[in-house]
């Protein structure tokens, strides 16, 4: 069946929707990572008491994980939809960046949260946990930014 003149083909519309959804979700997922990176220079020299007080402000930020999951799903669906086209490789790299960001979270950030019971209980090595948490979030921000750039190139 030939396309109707003046009408956008359904495959293009679906790819554009996936792309737009992925970019939007990536941008939302990137916001807390950028905030953490911006705060890091001020937080690293804090005393234990001050640091634990500040960490309480992040209660509820786990909801940003929904945007991160949406970015991964949208990029993955776009990559599958674009196999054999120029959009495929950038979309695939966006997927890999999302997976890398999750790997950093589960390797560095979550263990620090768990060891400190979400920063409500101090440990003997709390400063080590702080470094893991802070630098883990900074690394996640860099990887998520790369993923967003890859997804933008998948246009």
Protein backbone atom coordinates (compact mmCIF):
# COMPACT_ATOMS: atom_id res chain seq x y z
CA UNK A 1 0.00 0.00 0.00
CA UNK A 2 1.43 3.40 -0.93
CA UNK A 3 1.53 6.22 1.60
CA UNK A 4 -1.23 8.82 1.50
CA UNK A 5 0.10 12.17 0.21
CA UNK A 6 0.52 14.71 3.03
CA UNK A 7 0.33 12.06 5.75
CA UNK A 8 3.28 11.00 7.89
CA UNK A 9 3.91 7.25 7.56
CA UNK A 10 3.07 5.34 10.76
CA UNK A 11 6.61 3.93 11.12
CA UNK A 12 8.11 7.43 11.10
CA UNK A 13 5.52 8.67 13.60
CA UNK A 14 6.25 5.75 15.95
CA UNK A 15 10.02 6.32 15.71
CA UNK A 16 9.54 10.03 16.40
CA UNK A 17 7.32 9.26 19.40
CA UNK A 18 9.86 6.81 20.81
CA UNK A 19 12.65 9.31 20.24
CA UNK A 20 10.78 12.19 21.87
CA UNK A 21 9.71 10.04 24.81
CA UNK A 22 13.28 8.84 25.31
CA UNK A 23 14.75 12.34 25.16
CA UNK A 24 12.16 13.65 27.63
CA UNK A 25 12.69 10.73 30.03
CA UNK A 26 16.49 11.00 29.76
CA UNK A 27 16.30 14.73 30.57
CA UNK A 28 14.21 14.05 33.69
CA UNK A 29 16.52 11.20 34.77
CA UNK A 30 19.54 13.44 34.26
CA UNK A 31 18.21 16.22 36.54
CA UNK A 32 19.03 14.60 39.91
CA UNK A 33 22.42 13.42 38.67
CA UNK A 34 23.30 16.99 37.69
CA UNK A 35 22.03 18.24 41.06
CA UNK A 36 24.20 15.72 42.91
CA UNK A 37 27.26 16.66 40.85
CA UNK A 38 26.66 20.37 41.48
CA UNK A 39 26.33 19.81 45.23
CA UNK A 40 29.29 17.47 45.57
CA UNK A 41 32.05 20.08 46.10
CA UNK A 42 30.07 21.56 49.01
CA UNK A 43 29.08 18.21 50.52
CA UNK A 44 32.40 16.36 50.49
CA UNK A 45 34.04 18.51 53.21
CA UNK A 46 30.95 18.39 55.49
CA UNK A 47 31.09 16.92 58.96
CA UNK A 48 29.36 13.61 59.56
CA UNK A 49 26.46 15.29 61.35
CA UNK A 50 25.91 17.87 58.60
CA UNK A 51 26.27 15.33 55.80
CA UNK A 52 23.71 12.96 57.32
CA UNK A 53 21.31 15.89 57.83
CA UNK A 54 21.63 16.95 54.18
CA UNK A 55 21.15 13.37 52.93
CA UNK A 56 17.65 13.32 54.45
CA UNK A 57 16.61 15.85 51.81
CA UNK A 58 16.78 13.13 49.15
CA UNK A 59 13.94 11.07 50.57
CA UNK A 60 11.57 10.36 47.69
CA UNK A 61 14.13 10.98 44.93
CA UNK A 62 13.96 7.29 44.02
CA UNK A 63 10.91 8.20 41.96
CA UNK A 64 13.31 9.61 39.37
CA UNK A 65 14.07 5.94 38.67
CA UNK A 66 10.77 5.81 36.78
CA UNK A 67 12.13 8.31 34.25
CA UNK A 68 15.36 6.34 34.00
CA UNK A 69 13.41 3.15 33.28
CA UNK A 70 11.29 4.98 30.69
CA UNK A 71 14.44 6.29 28.98
CA UNK A 72 15.87 2.77 28.80
CA UNK A 73 12.65 1.28 27.42
CA UNK A 74 12.14 4.06 24.86
CA UNK A 75 15.75 3.84 23.66
CA UNK A 76 15.55 0.03 23.47
CA UNK A 77 12.30 0.10 21.49
CA UNK A 78 13.74 2.76 19.18
CA UNK A 79 16.89 0.68 18.64
CA UNK A 80 14.84 -2.42 17.78
CA UNK A 81 12.59 -0.37 15.50
CA UNK A 82 15.59 1.13 13.71
CA UNK A 83 17.69 -1.99 13.04
CA UNK A 84 19.31 -1.53 9.66
CA UNK A 85 19.05 2.27 9.65
CA UNK A 86 21.42 5.07 10.61
CA UNK A 87 19.40 5.61 13.82
CA UNK A 88 20.20 2.14 15.14
CA UNK A 89 23.75 2.60 16.48
CA UNK A 90 23.12 5.85 18.39
CA UNK A 91 19.95 4.35 19.86
CA UNK A 92 21.86 1.22 20.83
CA UNK A 93 24.57 3.33 22.51
CA UNK A 94 21.81 5.17 24.43
CA UNK A 95 20.56 1.79 25.66
CA UNK A 96 24.07 0.78 26.70
CA UNK A 97 24.52 4.08 28.53
CA UNK A 98 21.30 3.46 30.48
CA UNK A 99 22.50 -0.01 31.41
CA UNK A 100 25.89 1.40 32.46
CA UNK A 101 24.18 4.04 34.65
CA UNK A 102 22.17 1.30 36.35
CA UNK A 103 25.32 -0.76 36.85
CA UNK A 104 27.02 2.21 38.54
CA UNK A 105 23.97 2.71 40.75
CA UNK A 106 23.83 -0.91 41.88
CA UNK A 107 27.62 -1.15 42.30
CA UNK A 108 28.34 2.11 44.15
CA UNK A 109 25.28 4.11 45.19
CA UNK A 110 22.89 1.43 46.45
CA UNK A 111 25.53 -0.32 48.62
CA UNK A 112 26.29 3.04 50.29
CA UNK A 113 22.57 3.62 50.87
CA UNK A 114 22.19 0.11 52.27
CA UNK A 115 25.25 0.30 54.54
CA UNK A 116 23.95 3.52 56.10
CA UNK A 117 20.27 2.55 56.00
CA UNK A 118 19.60 5.42 53.63
CA UNK A 119 21.88 7.72 55.59
CA UNK A 120 20.12 7.30 58.92
CA UNK A 121 22.81 5.16 60.61
CA UNK A 122 26.50 5.98 60.69
CA UNK A 123 29.07 3.30 60.04
CA UNK A 124 32.74 3.05 60.95
CA UNK A 125 33.63 3.83 57.34
CA UNK A 126 30.94 6.41 56.60
CA UNK A 127 33.39 8.64 54.71
CA UNK A 128 34.17 5.79 52.33
CA UNK A 129 30.42 5.30 51.80
CA UNK A 130 30.06 9.04 51.17
CA UNK A 131 32.75 8.94 48.48
CA UNK A 132 31.12 5.91 46.83
CA UNK A 133 27.75 7.65 46.88
CA UNK A 134 28.96 11.05 45.65
CA UNK A 135 31.33 9.83 42.94
CA UNK A 136 28.85 7.14 41.93
CA UNK A 137 26.22 9.78 41.28
CA UNK A 138 28.73 11.94 39.40
CA UNK A 139 29.65 8.98 37.20
CA UNK A 140 25.97 8.22 36.62
CA UNK A 141 25.45 11.82 35.54
CA UNK A 142 28.24 11.60 32.99
CA UNK A 143 26.93 8.31 31.62
CA UNK A 144 23.33 9.55 31.48
CA UNK A 145 24.46 12.70 29.69
CA UNK A 146 26.29 10.55 27.15
CA UNK A 147 23.13 8.47 26.73
CA UNK A 148 21.05 11.59 26.10
CA UNK A 149 23.56 12.79 23.49
CA UNK A 150 23.51 9.39 21.78
CA UNK A 151 19.73 9.45 21.75
CA UNK A 152 19.74 12.95 20.25
CA UNK A 153 21.96 11.60 17.46
CA UNK A 154 19.42 8.84 16.86
CA UNK A 155 17.13 11.44 15.28
